[in-house]
Amino acid sequence: MRIAIAGADGRMGRMLIEAVLNSPDLSLAAALDRPGAPSIGQDAGGFLGQETGIAITDDLDAIAQADCLIDFTRPEGTLQHLEACVRHGVKCVIGTTGFTTEGKQAIQAAGQKIAIVFAPNMSLGVNVTLKLLEMAARLLNSGYDVEVFEAHHRNKVDAPSGTALAMGDAVARAWGQELDDIADWARHGETGPRQDGRIGFSVVRGGDIVGDHTVYFCGQGERLEITHRSSSRATYAEGSLRAARYLARKEFGLFDMQDVLATA
């Protein structure tokens, strides 16, 4: 399977390139970066001291050389890449977070034409955690206050993280609610007693934290904590490659990592 990587010179892009080059069933077909980036024209494997023959480019039509694009960039860039994928009939794995409602609608529309895996976190461990949260929320559906805590590196630009939102959404769905209707995004000043049935969010941005997430179920006399901590982006890369392999059997449709895991 031929893979294109967006954001090729970023931390995640490099991790993905290395993972593809180390996978015997995959080949690197294209490497993209933003127009004007210093990496343009460089060999995509140069950071590994390896010549791949694939030069990093800002030409979106290079996507046509691939069977699937993997994108962990920014929403505005991802949507441009997605248009190119639709134009060339190339499948897409999207790990970008921070989309607006309109952006998510554009991804849904593209899923009617090409096969897409769209997930806020490609880690297999995170997606197992989402299943555990759903189970816990169904069982602890009264008498427990839920708080979602997340911490990421200082350069992450969206908050709460897409993973934190997915965790809150898993709890809300298990309660038969919409997250936006019961979420407390911030607290400041005299907020009064906590209301029942709400989900609170707390965010830390600092240093080089890859990603920590904890969901607290706080009851009277006890507290349940479900935590996932990432120490390496390699788990996101491996999950993304698994998602790309899943799409090899799909012509069109919008899928998530729960769909990918269901085929394990």
C-alpha atoms as a PDB file:
ATOM      1  CA  MET A   1       0.000   0.000   0.000  1.00  0.00           C
ATOM      2  CA  ARG A   2       1.367   3.412  -0.996  1.00  0.00           C
ATOM      3  CA  ILE A   3       1.233   6.049   1.740  1.00  0.00           C
ATOM      4  CA  ALA A   4       1.467   9.854   1.606  1.00  0.00           C
ATOM      5  CA  ILE A   5       2.353  11.797   4.746  1.00  0.00           C
ATOM      6  CA  ALA A   6       1.204  15.373   5.422  1.00  0.00           C
ATOM      7  CA  GLY A   7       3.255  17.625   7.704  1.00  0.00           C
ATOM      8  CA  ALA A   8       6.299  15.577   6.762  1.00  0.00           C
ATOM      9  CA  ASP A   9       8.847  17.694   8.651  1.00  0.00           C
ATOM     10  CA  GLY A  10       6.870  17.917  11.897  1.00  0.00           C
ATOM     11  CA  ARG A  11       7.359  15.649  14.894  1.00  0.00           C
ATOM     12  CA  MET A  12       4.385  13.470  14.037  1.00  0.00           C
ATOM     13  CA  GLY A  13       5.163  13.550  10.321  1.00  0.00           C
ATOM     14  CA  ARG A  14       8.673  12.264  10.907  1.00  0.00           C
ATOM     15  CA  MET A  15       7.368   9.538  13.203  1.00  0.00           C
ATOM     16  CA  LEU A  16       4.930   8.455  10.498  1.00  0.00           C
ATOM     17  CA  ILE A  17       7.589   8.454   7.780  1.00  0.00           C
ATOM     18  CA  GLU A  18       9.862   6.293   9.919  1.00  0.00           C
ATOM     19  CA  ALA A  19       7.000   3.894  10.685  1.00  0.00           C
ATOM     20  CA  VAL A  20       6.106   3.564   6.982  1.00  0.00           C
ATOM     21  CA  LEU A  21       9.723   2.964   5.984  1.00  0.00           C
ATOM     22  CA  ASN A  22       9.961   0.206   8.608  1.00  0.00           C
ATOM     23  CA  SER A  23       6.766  -1.535   7.424  1.00  0.00           C
ATOM     24  CA  PRO A  24       7.394  -4.188   4.753  1.00  0.00           C
ATOM     25  CA  ASP A  25       3.800  -4.011   3.444  1.00  0.00           C
ATOM     26  CA  LEU A  26       3.816  -0.208   3.013  1.00  0.00           C
ATOM     27  CA  SER A  27       5.786   2.216   0.854  1.00  0.00           C
ATOM     28  CA  LEU A  28       6.254   5.974   1.051  1.00  0.00           C
ATOM     29  CA  ALA A  29       4.675   7.568  -2.036  1.00  0.00           C
ATOM     30  CA  ALA A  30       4.640  11.275  -1.166  1.00  0.00           C
ATOM     31  CA  ALA A  31       5.617  13.681   1.625  1.00  0.00           C
ATOM     32  CA  LEU A  32       3.913  17.062   1.967  1.00  0.00           C
ATOM     33  CA  ASP A  33       4.683  20.231   3.874  1.00  0.00           C
ATOM     34  CA  ARG A  34       3.239  23.744   3.859  1.00  0.00           C
ATOM     35  CA  PRO A  35       4.246  26.191   1.098  1.00  0.00           C
ATOM     36  CA  GLY A  36       7.461  27.987   1.953  1.00  0.00           C
ATOM     37  CA  ALA A  37       8.551  25.451   4.558  1.00  0.00           C
ATOM     38  CA  PRO A  38      12.348  25.025   4.749  1.00  0.00           C
ATOM     39  CA  SER A  39      11.940  21.285   4.219  1.00  0.00           C
ATOM     40  CA  ILE A  40      10.598  21.657   0.661  1.00  0.00           C
ATOM     41  CA  GLY A  41      12.858  19.808  -1.790  1.00  0.00           C
ATOM     42  CA  GLN A  42      14.637  17.781   0.890  1.00  0.00           C
ATOM     43  CA  ASP A  43      14.547  14.000   0.884  1.00  0.00           C
ATOM     44  CA  ALA A  44      11.752  12.770   3.160  1.00  0.00           C
ATOM     45  CA  GLY A  45      14.118  10.337   4.875  1.00  0.00           C
ATOM     46  CA  GLY A  46      16.923  12.814   5.347  1.00  0.00           C
ATOM     47  CA  PHE A  47      16.320  13.142   9.089  1.00  0.00           C
ATOM     48  CA  LEU A  48      17.059   9.405   9.341  1.00  0.00           C
ATOM     49  CA  GLY A  49      20.165   9.643   7.169  1.00  0.00           C
ATOM     50  CA  GLN A  50      18.257   7.601   4.598  1.00  0.00           C
ATOM     51  CA  GLU A  51      17.685   8.377   0.923  1.00  0.00           C
ATOM     52  CA  THR A  52      14.122   7.529  -0.084  1.00  0.00           C
ATOM     53  CA  GLY A  53      13.994   9.285  -3.462  1.00  0.00           C
ATOM     54  CA  ILE A  54      10.846  11.092  -2.244  1.00  0.00           C
ATOM     55  CA  ALA A  55      11.304  14.853  -2.021  1.00  0.00           C
ATOM     56  CA  ILE A  56       9.107  16.827   0.371  1.00  0.00           C
ATOM     57  CA  THR A  57       6.739  18.983  -1.686  1.00  0.00           C
ATOM     58  CA  ASP A  58       3.957  21.530  -1.316  1.00  0.00           C
ATOM     59  CA  ASP A  59       2.260  20.294  -4.504  1.00  0.00           C
ATOM     60  CA  LEU A  60      -1.019  18.719  -3.335  1.00  0.00           C
ATOM     61  CA  ASP A  61      -1.326  16.789  -6.587  1.00  0.00           C
ATOM     62  CA  ALA A  62       1.530  14.597  -5.312  1.00  0.00           C
ATOM     63  CA  ILE A  63      -1.180  12.914  -3.238  1.00  0.00           C
ATOM     64  CA  ALA A  64      -2.268  11.192  -6.468  1.00  0.00           C
ATOM     65  CA  GLN A  65       0.801   8.939  -6.181  1.00  0.00           C
ATOM     66  CA  ALA A  66      -0.610   7.333  -3.013  1.00  0.00           C
ATOM     67  CA  ASP A  67      -3.374   4.949  -2.051  1.00  0.00           C
ATOM     68  CA  CYS A  68      -3.862   6.691   1.307  1.00  0.00           C
ATOM     69  CA  LEU A  69      -2.859   9.983   2.940  1.00  0.00           C
ATOM     70  CA  ILE A  70      -2.165  10.205   6.681  1.00  0.00           C
ATOM     71  CA  ASP A  71      -2.696  13.704   8.073  1.00  0.00           C
ATOM     72  CA  PHE A  72      -1.895  15.061  11.561  1.00  0.00           C
ATOM     73  CA  THR A  73      -1.571  18.738  10.667  1.00  0.00           C
ATOM     74  CA  ARG A  74      -3.960  21.663  11.304  1.00  0.00           C
ATOM     75  CA  PRO A  75      -7.656  21.817  10.389  1.00  0.00           C
ATOM     76  CA  GLU A  76      -7.237  24.332   7.558  1.00  0.00           C
ATOM     77  CA  GLY A  77      -4.409  22.318   6.001  1.00  0.00           C
ATOM     78  CA  THR A  78      -6.184  18.994   6.466  1.00  0.00           C
ATOM     79  CA  LEU A  79      -9.293  20.247   4.667  1.00  0.00           C
ATOM     80  CA  GLN A  80      -7.158  21.344   1.700  1.00  0.00           C
ATOM     81  CA  HIS A  81      -5.468  17.943   1.648  1.00  0.00           C
ATOM     82  CA  LEU A  82      -8.860  16.258   1.882  1.00  0.00           C
ATOM     83  CA  GLU A  83     -10.073  18.120  -1.202  1.00  0.00           C
ATOM     84  CA  ALA A  84      -7.046  16.777  -3.090  1.00  0.00           C
ATOM     85  CA  CYS A  85      -7.773  13.259  -1.815  1.00  0.00           C
ATOM     86  CA  VAL A  86     -11.349  13.488  -3.123  1.00  0.00           C
ATOM     87  CA  ARG A  87     -10.104  14.894  -6.435  1.00  0.00           C
ATOM     88  CA  HIS A  88      -7.684  12.016  -6.931  1.00  0.00           C
ATOM     89  CA  GLY A  89      -9.699   9.217  -5.298  1.00  0.00           C
ATOM     90  CA  VAL A  90      -7.161   8.718  -2.483  1.00  0.00           C
ATOM     91  CA  LYS A  91      -8.189   7.382   0.928  1.00  0.00           C
ATOM     92  CA  CYS A  92      -7.413   9.394   4.052  1.00  0.00           C
ATOM     93  CA  VAL A  93      -6.543   8.845   7.713  1.00  0.00           C
ATOM     94  CA  ILE A  94      -7.175  12.027   9.727  1.00  0.00           C
ATOM     95  CA  GLY A  95      -5.716  12.454  13.206  1.00  0.00           C
ATOM     96  CA  THR A  96      -5.960  16.268  13.179  1.00  0.00           C
ATOM     97  CA  THR A  97      -8.028  17.830  15.980  1.00  0.00           C
ATOM     98  CA  GLY A  98      -9.666  21.213  16.535  1.00  0.00           C
ATOM     99  CA  PHE A  99     -12.142  21.167  13.640  1.00  0.00           C
ATOM    100  CA  THR A 100     -15.141  23.482  13.642  1.00  0.00           C
ATOM    101  CA  THR A 101     -18.622  22.100  13.030  1.00  0.00           C
ATOM    102  CA  GLU A 102     -18.264  23.122   9.388  1.00  0.00           C
ATOM    103  CA  GLY A 103     -14.953  21.288   9.121  1.00  0.00           C
ATOM    104  CA  LYS A 104     -16.464  18.110  10.520  1.00  0.00           C
ATOM    105  CA  GLN A 105     -19.335  18.419   8.051  1.00  0.00           C
ATOM    106  CA  ALA A 106     -16.824  18.696   5.200  1.00  0.00           C
ATOM    107  CA  ILE A 107     -15.176  15.470   6.368  1.00  0.00           C
ATOM    108  CA  GLN A 108     -18.564  13.738   6.517  1.00  0.00           C
ATOM    109  CA  ALA A 109     -19.342  14.881   2.981  1.00  0.00           C
ATOM    110  CA  ALA A 110     -15.963  13.641   1.724  1.00  0.00           C
ATOM    111  CA  GLY A 111     -16.734  10.259   3.285  1.00  0.00           C
ATOM    112  CA  GLN A 112     -19.480   9.814   0.700  1.00  0.00           C
ATOM    113  CA  LYS A 113     -16.814   9.794  -2.019  1.00  0.00           C
ATOM    114  CA  ILE A 114     -13.689   8.269  -0.464  1.00  0.00           C
ATOM    115  CA  ALA A 115     -12.870   6.057   2.530  1.00  0.00           C
ATOM    116  CA  ILE A 116     -11.774   7.993   5.632  1.00  0.00           C
ATOM    117  CA  VAL A 117     -10.755   7.065   9.166  1.00  0.00           C
ATOM    118  CA  PHE A 118     -11.249  10.150  11.340  1.00  0.00           C
ATOM    119  CA  ALA A 119     -10.371   9.885  15.025  1.00  0.00           C
ATOM    120  CA  PRO A 120      -9.116  12.341  17.660  1.00  0.00           C
ATOM    121  CA  ASN A 121      -6.567   9.781  18.819  1.00  0.00           C
ATOM    122  CA  MET A 122      -5.106   6.864  16.859  1.00  0.00           C
ATOM    123  CA  SER A 123      -3.598   5.150  19.900  1.00  0.00           C
ATOM    124  CA  LEU A 124      -5.020   1.677  20.421  1.00  0.00           C
ATOM    125  CA  GLY A 125      -4.742   2.177  24.180  1.00  0.00           C
ATOM    126  CA  VAL A 126      -6.789   5.387  24.069  1.00  0.00           C
ATOM    127  CA  ASN A 127      -9.505   3.692  22.066  1.00  0.00           C
ATOM    128  CA  VAL A 128      -9.678   0.825  24.554  1.00  0.00           C
ATOM    129  CA  THR A 129      -9.916   3.498  27.271  1.00  0.00           C
ATOM    130  CA  LEU A 130     -12.957   4.973  25.517  1.00  0.00           C
ATOM    131  CA  LYS A 131     -14.672   1.586  25.744  1.00  0.00           C
ATOM    132  CA  LEU A 132     -13.839   1.354  29.465  1.00  0.00           C
ATOM    133  CA  LEU A 133     -15.258   4.844  30.037  1.00  0.00           C
ATOM    134  CA  GLU A 134     -18.489   3.937  28.296  1.00  0.00           C
ATOM    135  CA  MET A 135     -18.836   0.870  30.518  1.00  0.00           C
ATOM    136  CA  ALA A 136     -18.039   2.806  33.704  1.00  0.00           C
ATOM    137  CA  ALA A 137     -20.468   5.612  32.821  1.00  0.00           C
ATOM    138  CA  ARG A 138     -23.333   3.171  32.280  1.00  0.00           C
ATOM    139  CA  LEU A 139     -22.719   1.589  35.684  1.00  0.00           C
ATOM    140  CA  LEU A 140     -21.982   4.850  37.545  1.00  0.00           C
ATOM    141  CA  ASN A 141     -24.854   6.841  36.090  1.00  0.00           C
ATOM    142  CA  SER A 142     -25.951   8.486  39.347  1.00  0.00           C
ATOM    143  CA  GLY A 143     -24.230   9.661  42.514  1.00  0.00           C
ATOM    144  CA  TYR A 144     -20.903  10.255  40.737  1.00  0.00           C
ATOM    145  CA  ASP A 145     -19.431  13.523  39.461  1.00  0.00           C
ATOM    146  CA  VAL A 146     -17.313  13.252  36.304  1.00  0.00           C
ATOM    147  CA  GLU A 147     -14.238  15.359  35.598  1.00  0.00           C
ATOM    148  CA  VAL A 148     -11.968  15.071  32.542  1.00  0.00           C
ATOM    149  CA  PHE A 149      -8.350  16.161  33.000  1.00  0.00           C
ATOM    150  CA  GLU A 150      -5.821  16.426  30.174  1.00  0.00           C
ATOM    151  CA  ALA A 151      -2.227  17.646  29.823  1.00  0.00           C
ATOM    152  CA  HIS A 152      -0.219  18.269  26.641  1.00  0.00           C
ATOM    153  CA  HIS A 153       2.962  19.993  25.479  1.00  0.00           C
ATOM    154  CA  ARG A 154       3.151  23.768  25.374  1.00  0.00           C
ATOM    155  CA  ASN A 155       2.790  23.956  21.569  1.00  0.00           C
ATOM    156  CA  LYS A 156      -0.628  22.308  21.326  1.00  0.00           C
ATOM    157  CA  VAL A 157      -3.019  24.967  20.085  1.00  0.00           C
ATOM    158  CA  ASP A 158      -6.498  23.495  20.724  1.00  0.00           C
ATOM    159  CA  ALA A 159      -8.096  22.841  24.103  1.00  0.00           C
ATOM    160  CA  PRO A 160      -9.547  20.665  25.418  1.00  0.00           C
ATOM    161  CA  SER A 161      -7.759  18.062  23.347  1.00  0.00           C
ATOM    162  CA  GLY A 162      -9.688  16.016  20.835  1.00  0.00           C
ATOM    163  CA  THR A 163      -9.066  12.970  23.006  1.00  0.00           C
ATOM    164  CA  ALA A 164     -10.477  14.693  26.090  1.00  0.00           C
ATOM    165  CA  LEU A 165     -13.564  15.639  24.095  1.00  0.00           C
ATOM    166  CA  ALA A 166     -13.927  12.047  22.891  1.00  0.00           C
ATOM    167  CA  MET A 167     -13.691  10.838  26.493  1.00  0.00           C
ATOM    168  CA  GLY A 168     -16.338  13.308  27.640  1.00  0.00           C
ATOM    169  CA  ASP A 169     -18.506  12.319  24.696  1.00  0.00           C
ATOM    170  CA  ALA A 170     -18.203   8.615  25.589  1.00  0.00           C
ATOM    171  CA  VAL A 171     -19.539   9.376  29.080  1.00  0.00           C
ATOM    172  CA  ALA A 172     -22.291  11.672  27.796  1.00  0.00           C
ATOM    173  CA  ARG A 173     -23.501   9.128  25.231  1.00  0.00           C
ATOM    174  CA  ALA A 174     -23.620   6.421  27.900  1.00  0.00           C
ATOM    175  CA  TRP A 175     -25.864   8.782  29.896  1.00  0.00           C
ATOM    176  CA  GLY A 176     -28.063   9.433  26.858  1.00  0.00           C
ATOM    177  CA  GLN A 177     -26.912  13.071  26.653  1.00  0.00           C
ATOM    178  CA  GLU A 178     -25.157  15.399  24.219  1.00  0.00           C
ATOM    179  CA  LEU A 179     -21.782  16.546  25.558  1.00  0.00           C
ATOM    180  CA  ASP A 180     -22.341  20.201  24.653  1.00  0.00           C
ATOM    181  CA  ASP A 181     -25.481  20.206  26.805  1.00  0.00           C
ATOM    182  CA  ILE A 182     -23.765  19.018  29.999  1.00  0.00           C
ATOM    183  CA  ALA A 183     -20.131  20.157  29.725  1.00  0.00           C
ATOM    184  CA  ASP A 184     -18.496  22.731  32.010  1.00  0.00           C
ATOM    185  CA  TRP A 185     -15.558  24.016  29.990  1.00  0.00           C
ATOM    186  CA  ALA A 186     -14.149  26.423  32.577  1.00  0.00           C
ATOM    187  CA  ARG A 187     -14.659  27.584  36.149  1.00  0.00           C
ATOM    188  CA  HIS A 188     -13.721  30.955  37.595  1.00  0.00           C
ATOM    189  CA  GLY A 189     -14.909  33.003  40.521  1.00  0.00           C
ATOM    190  CA  GLU A 190     -17.941  32.099  42.602  1.00  0.00           C
ATOM    191  CA  THR A 191     -19.436  29.221  40.630  1.00  0.00           C
ATOM    192  CA  GLY A 192     -21.784  27.858  43.301  1.00  0.00           C
ATOM    193  CA  PRO A 193     -22.260  24.174  44.175  1.00  0.00           C
ATOM    194  CA  ARG A 194     -21.683  21.654  41.456  1.00  0.00           C
ATOM    195  CA  GLN A 195     -24.760  20.586  39.505  1.00  0.00           C
ATOM    196  CA  ASP A 196     -25.588  16.920  39.095  1.00  0.00           C
ATOM    197  CA  GLY A 197     -25.041  15.311  35.715  1.00  0.00           C
ATOM    198  CA  ARG A 198     -22.382  17.725  34.505  1.00  0.00           C
ATOM    199  CA  ILE A 199     -18.961  16.866  33.036  1.00  0.00           C
ATOM    200  CA  GLY A 200     -16.104  19.219  33.951  1.00  0.00           C
ATOM    201  CA  PHE A 201     -12.918  19.746  31.954  1.00  0.00           C
ATOM    202  CA  SER A 202      -9.442  20.813  33.112  1.00  0.00           C
ATOM    203  CA  VAL A 203      -6.475  21.545  30.834  1.00  0.00           C
ATOM    204  CA  VAL A 204      -2.696  21.797  31.329  1.00  0.00           C
ATOM    205  CA  ARG A 205      -0.290  23.045  28.643  1.00  0.00           C
ATOM    206  CA  GLY A 206       3.423  22.868  29.377  1.00  0.00           C
ATOM    207  CA  GLY A 207       6.817  21.476  28.530  1.00  0.00           C
ATOM    208  CA  ASP A 208       6.996  18.456  26.252  1.00  0.00           C
ATOM    209  CA  ILE A 209       4.117  16.364  27.653  1.00  0.00           C
ATOM    210  CA  VAL A 210       3.050  13.979  24.884  1.00  0.00           C
ATOM    211  CA  GLY A 211      -0.438  13.438  26.294  1.00  0.00           C
ATOM    212  CA  ASP A 212      -2.003  12.540  29.655  1.00  0.00           C
ATOM    213  CA  HIS A 213      -5.737  11.959  30.153  1.00  0.00           C
ATOM    214  CA  THR A 214      -7.654  11.024  33.293  1.00  0.00           C
ATOM    215  CA  VAL A 215     -11.399  10.767  33.792  1.00  0.00           C
ATOM    216  CA  TYR A 216     -12.547  10.926  37.431  1.00  0.00           C
ATOM    217  CA  PHE A 217     -15.798   9.401  38.680  1.00  0.00           C
ATOM    218  CA  CYS A 218     -16.077  11.058  42.112  1.00  0.00           C
ATOM    219  CA  GLY A 219     -18.612   9.544  44.503  1.00  0.00           C
ATOM    220  CA  GLN A 220     -19.254   9.696  48.231  1.00  0.00           C
ATOM    221  CA  GLY A 221     -16.409   7.889  49.960  1.00  0.00           C
ATOM    222  CA  GLU A 222     -14.676   6.672  46.806  1.00  0.00           C
ATOM    223  CA  ARG A 223     -13.210   7.836  43.511  1.00  0.00           C
ATOM    224  CA  LEU A 224     -12.611   5.868  40.323  1.00  0.00           C
ATOM    225  CA  GLU A 225      -9.888   7.124  37.971  1.00  0.00           C
ATOM    226  CA  ILE A 226      -9.392   5.863  34.421  1.00  0.00           C
ATOM    227  CA  THR A 227      -6.086   7.107  33.017  1.00  0.00           C
ATOM    228  CA  HIS A 228      -4.149   6.880  29.793  1.00  0.00           C
ATOM    229  CA  ARG A 229      -0.636   8.334  29.471  1.00  0.00           C
ATOM    230  CA  SER A 230       1.375   8.578  26.266  1.00  0.00           C
ATOM    231  CA  SER A 231       5.155   8.583  26.508  1.00  0.00           C
ATOM    232  CA  SER A 232       5.776   8.391  22.750  1.00  0.00           C
ATOM    233  CA  ARG A 233       4.022   9.433  19.545  1.00  0.00           C
ATOM    234  CA  ALA A 234       4.960   6.033  18.124  1.00  0.00           C
ATOM    235  CA  THR A 235       1.634   4.651  19.387  1.00  0.00           C
ATOM    236  CA  TYR A 236      -0.215   7.227  17.261  1.00  0.00           C
ATOM    237  CA  ALA A 237       1.874   6.286  14.228  1.00  0.00           C
ATOM    238  CA  GLU A 238       1.265   2.558  14.600  1.00  0.00           C
ATOM    239  CA  GLY A 239      -2.463   3.130  15.071  1.00  0.00           C
ATOM    240  CA  SER A 240      -2.516   5.304  11.946  1.00  0.00           C
ATOM    241  CA  LEU A 241      -0.874   2.596   9.861  1.00  0.00           C
ATOM    242  CA  ARG A 242      -3.393   0.106  11.174  1.00  0.00           C
ATOM    243  CA  ALA A 243      -6.153   2.503  10.108  1.00  0.00           C
ATOM    244  CA  ALA A 244      -4.636   2.830   6.627  1.00  0.00           C
ATOM    245  CA  ARG A 245      -4.537  -0.943   6.249  1.00  0.00           C
ATOM    246  CA  TYR A 246      -8.195  -1.076   7.312  1.00  0.00           C
ATOM    247  CA  LEU A 247      -9.098   1.382   4.551  1.00  0.00           C
ATOM    248  CA  ALA A 248      -7.471  -0.838   1.922  1.00  0.00           C
ATOM    249  CA  ARG A 249     -10.705  -2.865   2.002  1.00  0.00           C
ATOM    250  CA  LYS A 250     -13.034   0.147   1.796  1.00  0.00           C
ATOM    251  CA  GLU A 251     -14.172   2.156  -1.214  1.00  0.00           C
ATOM    252  CA  PHE A 252     -15.890   4.989   0.634  1.00  0.00           C
ATOM    253  CA  GLY A 253     -17.367   5.813   4.045  1.00  0.00           C
ATOM    254  CA  LEU A 254     -16.443   7.591   7.271  1.00  0.00           C
ATOM    255  CA  PHE A 255     -14.971   5.357   9.973  1.00  0.00           C
ATOM    256  CA  ASP A 256     -13.281   5.748  13.353  1.00  0.00           C
ATOM    257  CA  MET A 257     -10.779   3.746  15.380  1.00  0.00           C
ATOM    258  CA  GLN A 258     -13.538   1.732  17.020  1.00  0.00           C
ATOM    259  CA  ASP A 259     -14.324   0.399  13.534  1.00  0.00           C
ATOM    260  CA  VAL A 260     -10.645  -0.393  13.015  1.00  0.00           C
ATOM    261  CA  LEU A 261     -10.387  -2.200  16.365  1.00  0.00           C
ATOM    262  CA  ALA A 262     -13.534  -4.212  15.632  1.00  0.00           C
ATOM    263  CA  THR A 263     -11.677  -6.003  12.830  1.00  0.00           C
ATOM    264  CA  ALA A 264      -8.819  -7.132  15.112  1.00  0.00           C
END
